[in-house]
């Protein structure tokens, strides 16, 4: 049995943490509550928006992978969502958005 928390719970925790810290978080597309992948649109003032998702890093451990396309960020996540209806798409607007995502959705 995996010790991994359900995706819906991780999304709720991330949104709560961001909102409690004075930022803004919103669900752009709701995925499978148990095992859907989570794609985070990270908005940090003065930095171009980035797409981050949990994946396997070069060392074989769970990592936050930058999936930002060269252009048309919205089109990219919408195409991903069309091919994977279980995918969660979350937008967080806060300083250090990547840190909040990593601390919340990565396994330790």
Protein backbone atom coordinates (compact mmCIF):
# COMPACT_ATOMS: atom_id res chain seq x y z
CA UNK A 1 0.00 0.00 0.00
CA UNK A 2 1.32 3.44 -0.94
CA UNK A 3 1.69 6.17 1.65
CA UNK A 4 0.89 8.79 -0.95
CA UNK A 5 -1.94 11.17 -0.12
CA UNK A 6 -4.87 11.51 -2.56
CA UNK A 7 -4.49 14.25 -5.18
CA UNK A 8 -7.63 16.06 -4.03
CA UNK A 9 -6.22 16.32 -0.51
CA UNK A 10 -2.86 17.63 -1.79
CA UNK A 11 -4.63 20.24 -3.94
CA UNK A 12 -6.75 21.39 -0.97
CA UNK A 13 -3.66 21.64 1.23
CA UNK A 14 -1.76 23.66 -1.37
CA UNK A 15 -4.64 26.09 -1.90
CA UNK A 16 -5.15 26.50 1.82
CA UNK A 17 -1.44 27.17 2.45
CA UNK A 18 -1.23 29.72 -0.38
CA UNK A 19 -4.40 31.53 0.71
CA UNK A 20 -3.33 31.51 4.39
CA UNK A 21 -0.02 33.11 3.38
CA UNK A 22 -1.80 35.98 1.62
CA UNK A 23 -1.58 34.64 -1.91
CA UNK A 24 -4.28 33.47 -4.28
CA UNK A 25 -4.93 29.91 -5.37
CA UNK A 26 -7.61 28.52 -7.66
CA UNK A 27 -8.59 25.26 -9.32
CA UNK A 28 -8.60 25.76 -13.08
CA UNK A 29 -9.59 22.13 -13.79
CA UNK A 30 -10.62 19.48 -11.29
CA UNK A 31 -9.06 16.06 -11.77
CA UNK A 32 -9.42 12.63 -10.21
CA UNK A 33 -9.65 13.06 -6.43
CA UNK A 34 -7.57 9.94 -5.72
CA UNK A 35 -4.77 9.71 -8.23
CA UNK A 36 -4.89 12.51 -10.79
CA UNK A 37 -1.65 14.22 -11.73
CA UNK A 38 -1.28 17.82 -10.52
CA UNK A 39 -0.12 20.62 -12.83
CA UNK A 40 0.62 23.89 -11.02
CA UNK A 41 0.59 27.24 -12.81
CA UNK A 42 3.04 29.17 -10.66
CA UNK A 43 2.67 32.94 -10.79
CA UNK A 44 5.29 34.94 -8.92
CA UNK A 45 5.39 38.73 -9.33
CA UNK A 46 8.01 39.85 -11.83
CA UNK A 47 8.66 36.32 -13.11
CA UNK A 48 7.01 34.75 -16.17
CA UNK A 49 4.39 32.12 -15.21
CA UNK A 50 5.66 28.54 -15.06
CA UNK A 51 4.05 25.12 -15.19
CA UNK A 52 5.26 22.71 -12.53
CA UNK A 53 4.32 19.09 -11.95
CA UNK A 54 5.33 16.17 -9.81
CA UNK A 55 7.54 13.73 -11.67
CA UNK A 56 10.72 11.71 -11.40
CA UNK A 57 13.91 13.78 -11.24
CA UNK A 58 17.31 12.82 -12.68
CA UNK A 59 18.26 11.14 -9.39
CA UNK A 60 15.20 8.86 -9.52
CA UNK A 61 13.43 10.65 -6.65
CA UNK A 62 10.14 12.50 -6.79
CA UNK A 63 10.76 16.08 -7.93
CA UNK A 64 8.96 19.15 -9.15
CA UNK A 65 9.49 19.25 -12.92
CA UNK A 66 9.29 22.49 -14.90
CA UNK A 67 6.94 21.80 -17.83
CA UNK A 68 6.65 25.38 -19.05
CA UNK A 69 6.15 25.53 -22.82
CA UNK A 70 7.97 28.10 -24.93
CA UNK A 71 4.67 29.84 -25.64
CA UNK A 72 0.89 29.60 -25.18
CA UNK A 73 0.83 28.35 -21.59
CA UNK A 74 -2.98 28.20 -21.48
CA UNK A 75 -3.19 26.22 -24.71
CA UNK A 76 -0.61 23.75 -23.41
CA UNK A 77 -2.42 22.90 -20.18
CA UNK A 78 -5.78 22.77 -21.96
CA UNK A 79 -4.40 20.23 -24.47
CA UNK A 80 -2.91 18.21 -21.61
CA UNK A 81 -6.26 18.29 -19.83
CA UNK A 82 -8.11 17.21 -22.99
CA UNK A 83 -5.90 14.11 -23.24
CA UNK A 84 -5.92 13.44 -19.46
CA UNK A 85 -9.29 14.23 -17.83
CA UNK A 86 -7.88 13.11 -14.44
CA UNK A 87 -5.36 15.99 -14.47
CA UNK A 88 -5.71 18.72 -11.85
CA UNK A 89 -4.71 22.21 -13.00
CA UNK A 90 -4.08 24.62 -10.13
CA UNK A 91 -3.04 28.26 -10.32
CA UNK A 92 -1.15 29.79 -7.42
CA UNK A 93 -0.20 33.47 -7.29
CA UNK A 94 2.27 34.06 -4.47
CA UNK A 95 5.93 34.87 -3.91
CA UNK A 96 7.98 31.66 -3.93
CA UNK A 97 5.17 29.75 -5.67
CA UNK A 98 7.51 26.87 -6.54
CA UNK A 99 8.48 26.44 -2.87
CA UNK A 100 4.84 26.25 -1.80
CA UNK A 101 4.13 23.63 -4.48
CA UNK A 102 7.20 21.56 -3.63
CA UNK A 103 6.56 21.60 0.11
CA UNK A 104 2.95 20.51 -0.38
CA UNK A 105 2.77 18.04 -3.26
CA UNK A 106 6.14 16.25 -3.14
CA UNK A 107 6.74 13.11 -1.14
CA UNK A 108 9.52 13.38 1.39
